[in-house]
PDB file of all heavy atoms in Angstrom:
ATOM      1  N   LEU A   1       0.827  -1.209   0.000  1.00  0.00           N
ATOM      2  CA  LEU A   1       0.000   0.000   0.000  1.00  0.00           C
ATOM      3  C   LEU A   1       0.860   1.258   0.000  1.00  0.00           C
ATOM      4  O   LEU A   1       0.429   2.318  -0.432  1.00  0.00           O
ATOM      5  CB  LEU A   1      -0.941  -0.012   1.205  1.00  0.00           C
ATOM      6  CG  LEU A   1      -1.934   1.120   1.346  1.00  0.00           C
ATOM      7  CD1 LEU A   1      -2.840   1.256   0.123  1.00  0.00           C
ATOM      8  CD2 LEU A   1      -2.778   0.930   2.600  1.00  0.00           C
ATOM      9  N   GLY A   2       2.098   1.136   0.458  1.00  0.00           N
ATOM     10  CA  GLY A   2       3.017   2.276   0.453  1.00  0.00           C
ATOM     11  C   GLY A   2       2.949   3.132   1.691  1.00  0.00           C
ATOM     12  O   GLY A   2       3.491   4.242   1.700  1.00  0.00           O
ATOM     13  N   VAL A   3       2.321   2.648   2.759  1.00  0.00           N
ATOM     14  CA  VAL A   3       2.246   3.463   3.972  1.00  0.00           C
ATOM     15  C   VAL A   3       3.470   3.280   4.864  1.00  0.00           C
ATOM     16  O   VAL A   3       3.725   4.117   5.724  1.00  0.00           O
ATOM     17  CB  VAL A   3       0.946   3.205   4.783  1.00  0.00           C
ATOM     18  CG1 VAL A   3      -0.274   3.541   3.968  1.00  0.00           C
ATOM     19  CG2 VAL A   3       0.874   1.798   5.305  1.00  0.00           C
ATOM     20  N   VAL A   4       4.234   2.204   4.665  1.00  0.00           N
ATOM     21  CA  VAL A   4       5.470   2.020   5.437  1.00  0.00           C
ATOM     22  C   VAL A   4       6.558   2.813   4.723  1.00  0.00           C
ATOM     23  O   VAL A   4       6.965   2.485   3.620  1.00  0.00           O
ATOM     24  CB  VAL A   4       5.871   0.535   5.554  1.00  0.00           C
ATOM     25  CG1 VAL A   4       7.169   0.405   6.348  1.00  0.00           C
ATOM     26  CG2 VAL A   4       4.760  -0.281   6.196  1.00  0.00           C
ATOM     27  N   ARG A   5       7.010   3.870   5.349  1.00  0.00           N
ATOM     28  CA  ARG A   5       7.974   4.767   4.706  1.00  0.00           C
ATOM     29  C   ARG A   5       9.404   4.497   5.128  1.00  0.00           C
ATOM     30  O   ARG A   5      10.337   4.928   4.462  1.00  0.00           O
ATOM     31  CB  ARG A   5       7.620   6.233   5.005  1.00  0.00           C
ATOM     32  CG  ARG A   5       6.227   6.635   4.566  1.00  0.00           C
ATOM     33  CD  ARG A   5       5.896   6.262   3.123  1.00  0.00           C
ATOM     34  NE  ARG A   5       6.805   6.889   2.198  1.00  0.00           N
ATOM     35  CZ  ARG A   5       7.090   6.423   0.988  1.00  0.00           C
ATOM     36  NH1 ARG A   5       6.550   5.321   0.553  1.00  0.00           N
ATOM     37  NH2 ARG A   5       7.932   7.061   0.211  1.00  0.00           N
ATOM     38  N   GLY A   6       9.590   3.802   6.228  1.00  0.00           N
ATOM     39  CA  GLY A   6      10.944   3.511   6.649  1.00  0.00           C
ATOM     40  C   GLY A   6      10.981   2.639   7.882  1.00  0.00           C
ATOM     41  O   GLY A   6      10.032   2.612   8.663  1.00  0.00           O
ATOM     42  N   VAL A   7      12.080   1.910   8.022  1.00  0.00           N
ATOM     43  CA  VAL A   7      12.318   1.056   9.184  1.00  0.00           C
ATOM     44  C   VAL A   7      13.759   1.269   9.614  1.00  0.00           C
ATOM     45  O   VAL A   7      14.668   1.276   8.772  1.00  0.00           O
ATOM     46  CB  VAL A   7      12.090  -0.438   8.837  1.00  0.00           C
ATOM     47  CG1 VAL A   7      12.485  -1.326  10.004  1.00  0.00           C
ATOM     48  CG2 VAL A   7      10.654  -0.694   8.436  1.00  0.00           C
ATOM     49  N   HIS A   8      13.963   1.457  10.910  1.00  0.00           N
ATOM     50  CA  HIS A   8      15.311   1.607  11.446  1.00  0.00           C
ATOM     51  C   HIS A   8      15.421   0.735  12.688  1.00  0.00           C
ATOM     52  O   HIS A   8      14.630   0.884  13.625  1.00  0.00           O
ATOM     53  CB  HIS A   8      15.612   3.060  11.802  1.00  0.00           C
ATOM     54  CG  HIS A   8      16.938   3.236  12.454  1.00  0.00           C
ATOM     55  ND1 HIS A   8      18.130   3.140  11.760  1.00  0.00           N
ATOM     56  CD2 HIS A   8      17.274   3.460  13.742  1.00  0.00           C
ATOM     57  CE1 HIS A   8      19.137   3.321  12.600  1.00  0.00           C
ATOM     58  NE2 HIS A   8      18.636   3.518  13.803  1.00  0.00           N
ATOM     59  N   VAL A   9      16.385  -0.157  12.683  1.00  0.00           N
ATOM     60  CA  VAL A   9      16.645  -1.009  13.840  1.00  0.00           C
ATOM     61  C   VAL A   9      17.911  -0.511  14.504  1.00  0.00           C
ATOM     62  O   VAL A   9      18.951  -0.369  13.852  1.00  0.00           O
ATOM     63  CB  VAL A   9      16.796  -2.491  13.429  1.00  0.00           C
ATOM     64  CG1 VAL A   9      17.109  -3.350  14.652  1.00  0.00           C
ATOM     65  CG2 VAL A   9      15.540  -2.987  12.736  1.00  0.00           C
ATOM     66  N   GLY A  10      17.804  -0.207  15.786  1.00  0.00           N
ATOM     67  CA  GLY A  10      18.958   0.263  16.552  1.00  0.00           C
ATOM     68  C   GLY A  10      19.093  -0.514  17.845  1.00  0.00           C
ATOM     69  O   GLY A  10      18.324  -1.441  18.111  1.00  0.00           O
ATOM     70  N   ALA A  11      20.030  -0.108  18.641  1.00  0.00           N
ATOM     71  CA  ALA A  11      20.282  -0.784  19.910  1.00  0.00           C
ATOM     72  C   ALA A  11      19.094  -0.686  20.858  1.00  0.00           C
ATOM     73  O   ALA A  11      18.885  -1.558  21.704  1.00  0.00           O
ATOM     74  CB  ALA A  11      21.534  -0.191  20.560  1.00  0.00           C
ATOM     75  N   ASP A  12      18.286   0.367  20.692  1.00  0.00           N
ATOM     76  CA  ASP A  12      17.145   0.579  21.587  1.00  0.00           C
ATOM     77  C   ASP A  12      15.825   0.066  21.013  1.00  0.00           C
ATOM     78  O   ASP A  12      14.765   0.372  21.543  1.00  0.00           O
ATOM     79  CB  ASP A  12      17.032   2.059  21.942  1.00  0.00           C
ATOM     80  CG  ASP A  12      16.857   2.953  20.728  1.00  0.00           C
ATOM     81  OD1 ASP A  12      17.147   2.497  19.600  1.00  0.00           O
ATOM     82  OD2 ASP A  12      16.413   4.105  20.895  1.00  0.00           O
ATOM     83  N   GLY A  13      15.858  -0.713  19.936  1.00  0.00           N
ATOM     84  CA  GLY A  13      14.635  -1.265  19.368  1.00  0.00           C
ATOM     85  C   GLY A  13      14.453  -0.878  17.914  1.00  0.00           C
ATOM     86  O   GLY A  13      15.408  -0.519  17.221  1.00  0.00           O
ATOM     87  N   THR A  14      13.210  -0.950  17.482  1.00  0.00           N
ATOM     88  CA  THR A  14      12.881  -0.712  16.075  1.00  0.00           C
ATOM     89  C   THR A  14      11.927   0.464  15.960  1.00  0.00           C
ATOM     90  O   THR A  14      10.948   0.558  16.700  1.00  0.00           O
ATOM     91  CB  THR A  14      12.210  -1.963  15.463  1.00  0.00           C
ATOM     92  OG1 THR A  14      13.108  -3.071  15.619  1.00  0.00           O
ATOM     93  CG2 THR A  14      11.894  -1.771  14.004  1.00  0.00           C
ATOM     94  N   GLU A  15      12.234   1.338  15.023  1.00  0.00           N
ATOM     95  CA  GLU A  15      11.319   2.436  14.708  1.00  0.00           C
ATOM     96  C   GLU A  15      10.800   2.205  13.295  1.00  0.00           C
ATOM     97  O   GLU A  15      11.561   1.906  12.382  1.00  0.00           O
ATOM     98  CB  GLU A  15      12.009   3.789  14.756  1.00  0.00           C
ATOM     99  CG  GLU A  15      11.047   4.919  14.377  1.00  0.00           C
ATOM    100  CD  GLU A  15      11.703   6.292  14.315  1.00  0.00           C
ATOM    101  OE1 GLU A  15      12.938   6.370  14.179  1.00  0.00           O
ATOM    102  OE2 GLU A  15      10.955   7.280  14.390  1.00  0.00           O
ATOM    103  N   VAL A  16       9.495   2.321  13.142  1.00  0.00           N
ATOM    104  CA  VAL A  16       8.882   2.225  11.819  1.00  0.00           C
ATOM    105  C   VAL A  16       8.128   3.525  11.571  1.00  0.00           C
ATOM    106  O   VAL A  16       7.462   4.049  12.462  1.00  0.00           O
ATOM    107  CB  VAL A  16       7.967   0.985  11.683  1.00  0.00           C
ATOM    108  CG1 VAL A  16       6.809   1.020  12.653  1.00  0.00           C
ATOM    109  CG2 VAL A  16       7.455   0.835  10.262  1.00  0.00           C
ATOM    110  N   VAL A  17       8.277   4.057  10.372  1.00  0.00           N
ATOM    111  CA  VAL A  17       7.630   5.311   9.990  1.00  0.00           C
ATOM    112  C   VAL A  17       6.476   4.976   9.042  1.00  0.00           C
ATOM    113  O   VAL A  17       6.679   4.327   8.022  1.00  0.00           O
ATOM    114  CB  VAL A  17       8.623   6.274   9.310  1.00  0.00           C
ATOM    115  CG1 VAL A  17       7.920   7.563   8.889  1.00  0.00           C
ATOM    116  CG2 VAL A  17       9.790   6.566  10.235  1.00  0.00           C
ATOM    117  N   LEU A  18       5.278   5.411   9.419  1.00  0.00           N
ATOM    118  CA  LEU A  18       4.084   5.186   8.619  1.00  0.00           C
ATOM    119  C   LEU A  18       3.517   6.515   8.151  1.00  0.00           C
ATOM    120  O   LEU A  18       3.514   7.493   8.899  1.00  0.00           O
ATOM    121  CB  LEU A  18       3.008   4.471   9.443  1.00  0.00           C
ATOM    122  CG  LEU A  18       3.354   3.131  10.075  1.00  0.00           C
ATOM    123  CD1 LEU A  18       2.197   2.649  10.953  1.00  0.00           C
ATOM    124  CD2 LEU A  18       3.688   2.112   9.010  1.00  0.00           C
ATOM    125  N   THR A  19       3.031   6.543   6.927  1.00  0.00           N
ATOM    126  CA  THR A  19       2.296   7.693   6.411  1.00  0.00           C
ATOM    127  C   THR A  19       0.886   7.216   6.112  1.00  0.00           C
ATOM    128  O   THR A  19       0.687   6.391   5.216  1.00  0.00           O
ATOM    129  CB  THR A  19       2.949   8.261   5.139  1.00  0.00           C
ATOM    130  OG1 THR A  19       4.248   8.749   5.472  1.00  0.00           O
ATOM    131  CG2 THR A  19       2.125   9.398   4.549  1.00  0.00           C
ATOM    132  N   PRO A  20      -0.107   7.682   6.875  1.00  0.00           N
ATOM    133  CA  PRO A  20      -1.475   7.235   6.629  1.00  0.00           C
ATOM    134  C   PRO A  20      -1.966   7.677   5.253  1.00  0.00           C
ATOM    135  O   PRO A  20      -1.495   8.673   4.707  1.00  0.00           O
ATOM    136  CB  PRO A  20      -2.292   7.897   7.737  1.00  0.00           C
ATOM    137  CG  PRO A  20      -1.408   8.877   8.390  1.00  0.00           C
ATOM    138  CD  PRO A  20      -0.007   8.640   7.962  1.00  0.00           C
ATOM    139  N   THR A  21      -2.909   6.918   4.713  1.00  0.00           N
ATOM    140  CA  THR A  21      -3.429   7.244   3.386  1.00  0.00           C
ATOM    141  C   THR A  21      -4.088   8.613   3.380  1.00  0.00           C
ATOM    142  O   THR A  21      -4.059   9.296   2.368  1.00  0.00           O
ATOM    143  CB  THR A  21      -4.416   6.180   2.903  1.00  0.00           C
ATOM    144  OG1 THR A  21      -5.444   6.010   3.880  1.00  0.00           O
ATOM    145  CG2 THR A  21      -3.710   4.858   2.646  1.00  0.00           C
ATOM    146  N   TYR A  22      -4.693   8.990   4.479  1.00  0.00           N
ATOM    147  CA  TYR A  22      -5.121  10.377   4.675  1.00  0.00           C
ATOM    148  C   TYR A  22      -5.214  10.631   6.166  1.00  0.00           C
ATOM    149  O   TYR A  22      -5.341   9.688   6.953  1.00  0.00           O
ATOM    150  CB  TYR A  22      -6.409  10.724   3.916  1.00  0.00           C
ATOM    151  CG  TYR A  22      -7.683  10.106   4.419  1.00  0.00           C
ATOM    152  CD1 TYR A  22      -8.581  10.837   5.192  1.00  0.00           C
ATOM    153  CD2 TYR A  22      -8.025   8.801   4.097  1.00  0.00           C
ATOM    154  CE1 TYR A  22      -9.769  10.288   5.631  1.00  0.00           C
ATOM    155  CE2 TYR A  22      -9.214   8.241   4.536  1.00  0.00           C
ATOM    156  CZ  TYR A  22     -10.072   8.982   5.306  1.00  0.00           C
ATOM    157  OH  TYR A  22     -11.254   8.431   5.741  1.00  0.00           O
ATOM    158  N   SER A  23      -5.113  11.885   6.573  1.00  0.00           N
ATOM    159  CA  SER A  23      -4.968  12.198   7.996  1.00  0.00           C
ATOM    160  C   SER A  23      -6.160  11.783   8.834  1.00  0.00           C
ATOM    161  O   SER A  23      -6.015  11.534  10.018  1.00  0.00           O
ATOM    162  CB  SER A  23      -4.673  13.695   8.193  1.00  0.00           C
ATOM    163  OG  SER A  23      -5.736  14.463   7.684  1.00  0.00           O
ATOM    164  N   GLY A  24      -7.328  11.628   8.238  1.00  0.00           N
ATOM    165  CA  GLY A  24      -8.508  11.221   8.994  1.00  0.00           C
ATOM    166  C   GLY A  24      -8.826   9.747   8.865  1.00  0.00           C
ATOM    167  O   GLY A  24      -9.906   9.309   9.238  1.00  0.00           O
ATOM    168  N   CYS A  25      -7.907   8.955   8.371  1.00  0.00           N
ATOM    169  CA  CYS A  25      -8.158   7.531   8.145  1.00  0.00           C
ATOM    170  C   CYS A  25      -8.521   6.850   9.465  1.00  0.00           C
ATOM    171  O   CYS A  25      -7.749   6.899  10.425  1.00  0.00           O
ATOM    172  CB  CYS A  25      -6.938   6.860   7.528  1.00  0.00           C
ATOM    173  SG  CYS A  25      -7.161   5.088   7.265  1.00  0.00           S
ATOM    174  N   PRO A  26      -9.694   6.209   9.523  1.00  0.00           N
ATOM    175  CA  PRO A  26     -10.109   5.571  10.771  1.00  0.00           C
ATOM    176  C   PRO A  26      -9.291   4.330  11.124  1.00  0.00           C
ATOM    177  O   PRO A  26      -9.346   3.861  12.252  1.00  0.00           O
ATOM    178  CB  PRO A  26     -11.570   5.213  10.514  1.00  0.00           C
ATOM    179  CG  PRO A  26     -11.695   5.117   9.039  1.00  0.00           C
ATOM    180  CD  PRO A  26     -10.706   6.098   8.482  1.00  0.00           C
ATOM    181  N   ALA A  27      -8.519   3.810  10.187  1.00  0.00           N
ATOM    182  CA  ALA A  27      -7.738   2.601  10.437  1.00  0.00           C
ATOM    183  C   ALA A  27      -6.330   2.894  10.946  1.00  0.00           C
ATOM    184  O   ALA A  27      -5.560   1.970  11.193  1.00  0.00           O
ATOM    185  CB  ALA A  27      -7.662   1.767   9.159  1.00  0.00           C
ATOM    186  N   THR A  28      -5.986   4.161  11.141  1.00  0.00           N
ATOM    187  CA  THR A  28      -4.617   4.531  11.521  1.00  0.00           C
ATOM    188  C   THR A  28      -4.158   3.825  12.795  1.00  0.00           C
ATOM    189  O   THR A  28      -3.048   3.295  12.852  1.00  0.00           O
ATOM    190  CB  THR A  28      -4.501   6.062  11.672  1.00  0.00           C
ATOM    191  OG1 THR A  28      -4.844   6.660  10.425  1.00  0.00           O
ATOM    192  CG2 THR A  28      -3.102   6.487  12.040  1.00  0.00           C
ATOM    193  N   GLU A  29      -4.997   3.786  13.822  1.00  0.00           N
ATOM    194  CA  GLU A  29      -4.604   3.153  15.086  1.00  0.00           C
ATOM    195  C   GLU A  29      -4.468   1.650  14.939  1.00  0.00           C
ATOM    196  O   GLU A  29      -3.543   1.043  15.480  1.00  0.00           O
ATOM    197  CB  GLU A  29      -5.610   3.496  16.187  1.00  0.00           C
ATOM    198  CG  GLU A  29      -5.512   4.929  16.657  1.00  0.00           C
ATOM    199  CD  GLU A  29      -6.510   5.238  17.771  1.00  0.00           C
ATOM    200  OE1 GLU A  29      -6.740   4.344  18.620  1.00  0.00           O
ATOM    201  OE2 GLU A  29      -7.039   6.349  17.788  1.00  0.00           O
ATOM    202  N   VAL A  30      -5.380   1.024  14.187  1.00  0.00           N
ATOM    203  CA  VAL A  30      -5.314  -0.418  13.958  1.00  0.00           C
ATOM    204  C   VAL A  30      -4.040  -0.765  13.193  1.00  0.00           C
ATOM    205  O   VAL A  30      -3.364  -1.746  13.505  1.00  0.00           O
ATOM    206  CB  VAL A  30      -6.570  -0.908  13.195  1.00  0.00           C
ATOM    207  CG1 VAL A  30      -6.430  -2.363  12.768  1.00  0.00           C
ATOM    208  CG2 VAL A  30      -7.809  -0.706  14.035  1.00  0.00           C
ATOM    209  N   ILE A  31      -3.706   0.042  12.204  1.00  0.00           N
ATOM    210  CA  ILE A  31      -2.496  -0.180  11.416  1.00  0.00           C
ATOM    211  C   ILE A  31      -1.255  -0.069  12.311  1.00  0.00           C
ATOM    212  O   ILE A  31      -0.352  -0.902  12.235  1.00  0.00           O
ATOM    213  CB  ILE A  31      -2.432   0.800  10.228  1.00  0.00           C
ATOM    214  CG1 ILE A  31      -3.489   0.406   9.181  1.00  0.00           C
ATOM    215  CG2 ILE A  31      -1.043   0.846   9.616  1.00  0.00           C
ATOM    216  CD1 ILE A  31      -3.693   1.423   8.076  1.00  0.00           C
ATOM    217  N   ALA A  32      -1.206   0.934  13.169  1.00  0.00           N
ATOM    218  CA  ALA A  32      -0.057   1.107  14.065  1.00  0.00           C
ATOM    219  C   ALA A  32       0.075  -0.084  15.013  1.00  0.00           C
ATOM    220  O   ALA A  32       1.178  -0.606  15.220  1.00  0.00           O
ATOM    221  CB  ALA A  32      -0.192   2.411  14.855  1.00  0.00           C
ATOM    222  N   GLU A  33      -1.042  -0.548  15.566  1.00  0.00           N
ATOM    223  CA  GLU A  33      -0.996  -1.686  16.486  1.00  0.00           C
ATOM    224  C   GLU A  33      -0.614  -2.974  15.774  1.00  0.00           C
ATOM    225  O   GLU A  33       0.139  -3.792  16.310  1.00  0.00           O
ATOM    226  CB  GLU A  33      -2.333  -1.848  17.222  1.00  0.00           C
ATOM    227  CG  GLU A  33      -2.494  -0.890  18.370  1.00  0.00           C
ATOM    228  CD  GLU A  33      -1.315  -0.949  19.358  1.00  0.00           C
ATOM    229  OE1 GLU A  33      -0.937  -2.053  19.815  1.00  0.00           O
ATOM    230  OE2 GLU A  33      -0.758   0.115  19.664  1.00  0.00           O
ATOM    231  N   SER A  34      -1.124  -3.183  14.570  1.00  0.00           N
ATOM    232  CA  SER A  34      -0.770  -4.379  13.793  1.00  0.00           C
ATOM    233  C   SER A  34       0.710  -4.366  13.436  1.00  0.00           C
ATOM    234  O   SER A  34       1.377  -5.408  13.462  1.00  0.00           O
ATOM    235  CB  SER A  34      -1.603  -4.448  12.510  1.00  0.00           C
ATOM    236  OG  SER A  34      -2.971  -4.549  12.809  1.00  0.00           O
ATOM    237  N   THR A  35       1.218  -3.193  13.106  1.00  0.00           N
ATOM    238  CA  THR A  35       2.634  -3.024  12.792  1.00  0.00           C
ATOM    239  C   THR A  35       3.484  -3.366  14.013  1.00  0.00           C
ATOM    240  O   THR A  35       4.443  -4.138  13.928  1.00  0.00           O
ATOM    241  CB  THR A  35       2.906  -1.579  12.336  1.00  0.00           C
ATOM    242  OG1 THR A  35       2.177  -1.347  11.128  1.00  0.00           O
ATOM    243  CG2 THR A  35       4.373  -1.320  12.120  1.00  0.00           C
ATOM    244  N   ARG A  36       3.112  -2.795  15.143  1.00  0.00           N
ATOM    245  CA  ARG A  36       3.850  -3.035  16.393  1.00  0.00           C
ATOM    246  C   ARG A  36       3.839  -4.531  16.738  1.00  0.00           C
ATOM    247  O   ARG A  36       4.881  -5.122  17.039  1.00  0.00           O
ATOM    248  CB  ARG A  36       3.223  -2.216  17.529  1.00  0.00           C
ATOM    249  CG  ARG A  36       3.976  -2.290  18.838  1.00  0.00           C
ATOM    250  CD  ARG A  36       3.372  -1.380  19.912  1.00  0.00           C
ATOM    251  NE  ARG A  36       3.692   0.016  19.616  1.00  0.00           N
ATOM    252  CZ  ARG A  36       2.819   0.930  19.168  1.00  0.00           C
ATOM    253  NH1 ARG A  36       1.560   0.607  18.975  1.00  0.00           N
ATOM    254  NH2 ARG A  36       3.191   2.161  18.929  1.00  0.00           N
ATOM    255  N   ALA A  37       2.675  -5.161  16.649  1.00  0.00           N
ATOM    256  CA  ALA A  37       2.552  -6.583  17.002  1.00  0.00           C
ATOM    257  C   ALA A  37       3.396  -7.462  16.080  1.00  0.00           C
ATOM    258  O   ALA A  37       4.052  -8.407  16.544  1.00  0.00           O
ATOM    259  CB  ALA A  37       1.081  -7.009  16.950  1.00  0.00           C
ATOM    260  N   ALA A  38       3.395  -7.170  14.787  1.00  0.00           N
ATOM    261  CA  ALA A  38       4.160  -7.979  13.833  1.00  0.00           C
ATOM    262  C   ALA A  38       5.656  -7.875  14.100  1.00  0.00           C
ATOM    263  O   ALA A  38       6.379  -8.885  14.049  1.00  0.00           O
ATOM    264  CB  ALA A  38       3.845  -7.549  12.407  1.00  0.00           C
ATOM    265  N   LEU A  39       6.133  -6.673  14.384  1.00  0.00           N
ATOM    266  CA  LEU A  39       7.562  -6.495  14.632  1.00  0.00           C
ATOM    267  C   LEU A  39       7.981  -7.099  15.966  1.00  0.00           C
ATOM    268  O   LEU A  39       9.063  -7.697  16.076  1.00  0.00           O
ATOM    269  CB  LEU A  39       7.927  -5.014  14.549  1.00  0.00           C
ATOM    270  CG  LEU A  39       7.806  -4.412  13.145  1.00  0.00           C
ATOM    271  CD1 LEU A  39       8.011  -2.912  13.183  1.00  0.00           C
ATOM    272  CD2 LEU A  39       8.778  -5.070  12.179  1.00  0.00           C
ATOM    273  N   GLU A  40       7.137  -6.995  16.974  1.00  0.00           N
ATOM    274  CA  GLU A  40       7.448  -7.627  18.261  1.00  0.00           C
ATOM    275  C   GLU A  40       7.440  -9.140  18.128  1.00  0.00           C
ATOM    276  O   GLU A  40       8.297  -9.826  18.696  1.00  0.00           O
ATOM    277  CB  GLU A  40       6.481  -7.139  19.334  1.00  0.00           C
ATOM    278  CG  GLU A  40       6.769  -5.703  19.745  1.00  0.00           C
ATOM    279  CD  GLU A  40       5.755  -5.114  20.723  1.00  0.00           C
ATOM    280  OE1 GLU A  40       4.725  -5.773  21.010  1.00  0.00           O
ATOM    281  OE2 GLU A  40       6.000  -3.982  21.184  1.00  0.00           O
ATOM    282  N   ALA A  41       6.500  -9.694  17.352  1.00  0.00           N
ATOM    283  CA  ALA A  41       6.453 -11.143  17.121  1.00  0.00           C
ATOM    284  C   ALA A  41       7.700 -11.624  16.375  1.00  0.00           C
ATOM    285  O   ALA A  41       8.119 -12.767  16.539  1.00  0.00           O
ATOM    286  CB  ALA A  41       5.190 -11.515  16.349  1.00  0.00           C
ATOM    287  N   ALA A  42       8.289 -10.754  15.576  1.00  0.00           N
ATOM    288  CA  ALA A  42       9.520 -11.094  14.843  1.00  0.00           C
ATOM    289  C   ALA A  42      10.762 -10.895  15.710  1.00  0.00           C
ATOM    290  O   ALA A  42      11.887 -11.035  15.221  1.00  0.00           O
ATOM    291  CB  ALA A  42       9.617 -10.244  13.570  1.00  0.00           C
ATOM    292  N   GLY A  43      10.565 -10.560  16.990  1.00  0.00           N
ATOM    293  CA  GLY A  43      11.690 -10.389  17.902  1.00  0.00           C
ATOM    294  C   GLY A  43      12.421  -9.074  17.741  1.00  0.00           C
ATOM    295  O   GLY A  43      13.595  -8.977  18.076  1.00  0.00           O
ATOM    296  N   LEU A  44      11.721  -8.053  17.234  1.00  0.00           N
ATOM    297  CA  LEU A  44      12.363  -6.767  16.943  1.00  0.00           C
ATOM    298  C   LEU A  44      11.907  -5.652  17.872  1.00  0.00           C
ATOM    299  O   LEU A  44      12.019  -4.479  17.546  1.00  0.00           O
ATOM    300  CB  LEU A  44      12.111  -6.389  15.482  1.00  0.00           C
ATOM    301  CG  LEU A  44      12.712  -7.359  14.474  1.00  0.00           C
ATOM    302  CD1 LEU A  44      12.124  -7.146  13.094  1.00  0.00           C
ATOM    303  CD2 LEU A  44      14.217  -7.223  14.449  1.00  0.00           C
ATOM    304  N   GLY A  45      11.387  -5.997  19.049  1.00  0.00           N
ATOM    305  CA  GLY A  45      10.912  -4.997  19.992  1.00  0.00           C
ATOM    306  C   GLY A  45      12.042  -4.455  20.845  1.00  0.00           C
ATOM    307  O   GLY A  45      13.149  -4.977  20.810  1.00  0.00           O
ATOM    308  N   PRO A  46      11.804  -3.418  21.590  1.00  0.00           N
ATOM    309  CA  PRO A  46      10.560  -2.652  21.580  1.00  0.00           C
ATOM    310  C   PRO A  46      10.396  -1.876  20.273  1.00  0.00           C
ATOM    311  O   PRO A  46      11.367  -1.566  19.593  1.00  0.00           O
ATOM    312  CB  PRO A  46      10.710  -1.698  22.769  1.00  0.00           C
ATOM    313  CG  PRO A  46      12.187  -1.547  22.951  1.00  0.00           C
ATOM    314  CD  PRO A  46      12.800  -2.855  22.510  1.00  0.00           C
TER     315      PRO A  46
END
């Protein structure tokens, strides 16, 4: 979809940058939580 704009893994965990499809997108929170859960499940937390 192109909403994942970047991923950075450092000593303090993983940062992922998301750009929502539009600022009022009702799925923004669900997308952020799904992203967080997938990366933590892959052992890349916090």
